[in-house]
Amino acid sequence: MLVVSPGCFEQLGKAFLRALERGAEESLISQLKYFDGYSSPPGEKHYSKCELYPDSDALSFYFVMYGAVLSECDDPEENGYRKVKTDPEGNVLYQDKPWFNGGLIFHPGTGVPGISDGTHSVELTPEDGPHWSVHT
C-alpha cells in the first residue's frame, strides 16, 4: 500500500508534470506501483505500507516502508505465505517500527542535452533518459 503524506502531494504533482514533459511518466508510475505492491503476493492484502514524503530535491522523494503484522505459522495450503493480521473492520495491521527506508531519486539521464535538473545521487549503471530509481 502506498500512502502519500499530506506535505508530498504538491511535490508529487510537480514531479509528474516534469515527467510528462520529458516522456518519463512510465518510470515514475512504475516505481510508485512497485511501492504499492511491495512484498505482497498476487491477489492478497498489502503485506507492506510505504509512506512517501517530500525530499529536498524537487523531483525526488523519501520513503519509509512498514511490514504488515503476519500470522504466527505458515499454512502449506496458502503456498507458503503467512496471512496478514487485520483489525475487526478488516484493515491490515502494520508494524510500529519501520522495516527500511530510502529515496525515490530522480536521475536526468546520461547524455541528455538541455536538462538542467541535477541529481543528488549516483547510479552504478546510469540510464540514457530521465528516470526515477529506488535507493536504500
Protein backbone atom coordinates (compact mmCIF):
# COMPACT_ATOMS: atom_id res chain seq x y z
CA MET A 1 0.00 0.00 0.00
CA LEU A 2 1.32 3.44 -0.91
CA VAL A 3 0.45 6.35 1.39
CA VAL A 4 1.37 9.84 0.18
CA SER A 5 1.98 12.19 3.11
CA PRO A 6 -0.07 15.43 3.07
CA GLY A 7 3.04 17.54 2.52
CA CYS A 8 4.02 15.44 -0.50
CA PHE A 9 1.04 15.92 -2.84
CA GLU A 10 2.27 19.18 -4.35
CA GLN A 11 5.79 17.87 -4.95
CA LEU A 12 4.45 14.65 -6.46
CA GLY A 13 2.22 16.65 -8.80
CA LYS A 14 5.16 18.79 -9.95
CA ALA A 15 7.32 15.71 -10.47
CA PHE A 16 4.60 14.07 -12.55
CA LEU A 17 4.24 17.19 -14.72
CA ARG A 18 8.02 17.25 -15.24
CA ALA A 19 7.91 13.53 -16.09
CA LEU A 20 5.21 14.19 -18.71
CA GLU A 21 7.31 16.98 -20.24
CA ARG A 22 10.24 14.61 -20.63
CA GLY A 23 8.39 11.42 -21.58
CA ALA A 24 9.40 9.76 -18.31
CA GLU A 25 5.96 9.30 -16.74
CA GLU A 26 6.12 5.50 -17.06
CA SER A 27 9.28 5.46 -14.94
CA LEU A 28 7.62 7.41 -12.11
CA ILE A 29 4.37 5.43 -12.33
CA SER A 30 6.15 2.05 -12.33
CA GLN A 31 8.16 2.98 -9.21
CA LEU A 32 5.01 4.11 -7.37
CA LYS A 33 3.27 0.84 -8.36
CA TYR A 34 6.32 -1.06 -7.10
CA PHE A 35 5.95 0.61 -3.69
CA ASP A 36 2.19 -0.02 -3.67
CA GLY A 37 2.54 -3.79 -4.10
CA TYR A 38 5.89 -4.37 -2.38
CA SER A 39 6.25 -7.90 -0.90
CA SER A 40 2.57 -8.74 -1.45
CA PRO A 41 1.57 -11.99 -3.14
CA PRO A 42 -0.78 -11.52 -6.11
CA GLY A 43 -4.39 -11.02 -5.05
CA GLU A 44 -3.52 -10.67 -1.35
CA LYS A 45 -3.95 -7.73 1.00
CA HIS A 46 -0.97 -5.44 1.23
CA TYR A 47 1.92 -7.06 3.10
CA SER A 48 3.64 -3.68 3.39
CA LYS A 49 2.85 0.01 3.68
CA CYS A 50 5.08 2.62 2.05
CA GLU A 51 4.82 6.20 3.27
CA LEU A 52 6.09 8.77 0.74
CA TYR A 53 7.47 12.14 1.87
CA PRO A 54 8.95 15.16 0.05
CA ASP A 55 12.71 15.29 -0.37
CA SER A 56 14.97 18.35 -0.51
CA ASP A 57 15.38 17.67 -4.23
CA ALA A 58 12.27 18.94 -6.05
CA LEU A 59 11.87 15.77 -8.16
CA SER A 60 12.88 13.15 -5.58
CA PHE A 61 11.16 11.63 -2.55
CA TYR A 62 11.92 10.00 0.80
CA PHE A 63 10.08 6.79 1.75
CA VAL A 64 9.60 4.63 4.83
CA MET A 65 8.46 1.02 4.45
CA TYR A 66 6.49 -0.80 7.18
CA GLY A 67 5.81 -4.54 7.18
CA ALA A 68 2.40 -5.97 7.97
CA VAL A 69 1.79 -7.96 11.14
CA LEU A 70 1.67 -11.58 9.97
CA SER A 71 0.22 -14.75 11.46
CA GLU A 72 2.48 -16.94 13.56
CA CYS A 73 2.62 -20.07 11.41
CA ASP A 74 2.82 -20.98 7.74
CA ASP A 75 0.00 -22.96 6.20
CA PRO A 76 1.09 -25.21 3.31
CA GLU A 77 -2.35 -24.70 1.79
CA GLU A 78 -1.51 -21.00 1.37
CA ASN A 79 1.57 -21.55 -0.87
CA GLY A 80 3.97 -20.69 1.95
CA TYR A 81 2.59 -17.22 2.61
CA ARG A 82 1.52 -16.25 6.10
CA LYS A 83 -1.77 -14.45 6.49
CA VAL A 84 -1.90 -10.72 7.18
CA LYS A 85 -3.47 -9.81 10.52
CA THR A 86 -6.36 -7.35 10.41
CA ASP A 87 -8.41 -5.37 12.89
CA PRO A 88 -12.14 -6.13 13.39
CA GLU A 89 -13.02 -3.82 10.47
CA GLY A 90 -10.69 -5.73 8.12
CA ASN A 91 -7.92 -3.09 7.98
CA VAL A 92 -4.39 -4.51 7.71
CA LEU A 93 -2.27 -4.08 10.86
CA TYR A 94 1.29 -2.79 10.30
CA GLN A 95 4.42 -2.91 12.44
CA ASP A 96 5.11 0.17 14.60
CA LYS A 97 8.80 0.28 13.68
CA PRO A 98 9.97 0.92 10.11
CA TRP A 99 11.20 -2.06 8.11
CA PHE A 100 13.53 0.06 5.94
CA ASN A 101 13.71 3.48 4.31
CA GLY A 102 15.31 5.20 1.35
CA GLY A 103 14.76 7.52 -1.55
CA LEU A 104 12.88 7.54 -4.82
CA ILE A 105 15.52 9.51 -6.69
CA PHE A 106 15.18 11.39 -9.97
CA HIS A 107 18.06 10.98 -12.42
CA PRO A 108 18.21 13.22 -15.52
CA GLY A 109 19.96 10.51 -17.52
CA THR A 110 23.28 10.48 -19.30
CA GLY A 111 23.93 12.47 -22.43
CA VAL A 112 20.59 14.27 -22.41
CA PRO A 113 21.19 17.80 -23.71
CA GLY A 114 19.16 20.66 -22.28
CA ILE A 115 18.28 19.02 -18.98
CA SER A 116 19.34 21.23 -16.11
CA ASP A 117 17.79 19.08 -13.36
CA GLY A 118 20.66 17.64 -11.40
CA THR A 119 20.63 14.67 -9.11
CA HIS A 120 21.88 14.32 -5.55
CA SER A 121 22.76 10.68 -6.04
CA VAL A 122 24.83 8.40 -8.26
CA GLU A 123 23.97 5.25 -10.19
CA LEU A 124 26.19 2.25 -10.77
CA THR A 125 24.53 1.63 -14.14
CA PRO A 126 23.29 5.00 -15.47
CA GLU A 127 20.43 5.07 -17.97
CA ASP A 128 20.22 7.28 -21.05
CA GLY A 129 16.97 9.10 -20.32
CA PRO A 130 15.36 10.79 -17.34
CA HIS A 131 14.03 8.29 -14.80
CA TRP A 132 13.38 7.52 -11.13
CA SER A 133 15.07 4.75 -9.18
CA VAL A 134 14.83 3.39 -5.64
CA HIS A 135 17.85 3.86 -3.38
CA THR A 136 18.05 2.25 0.07
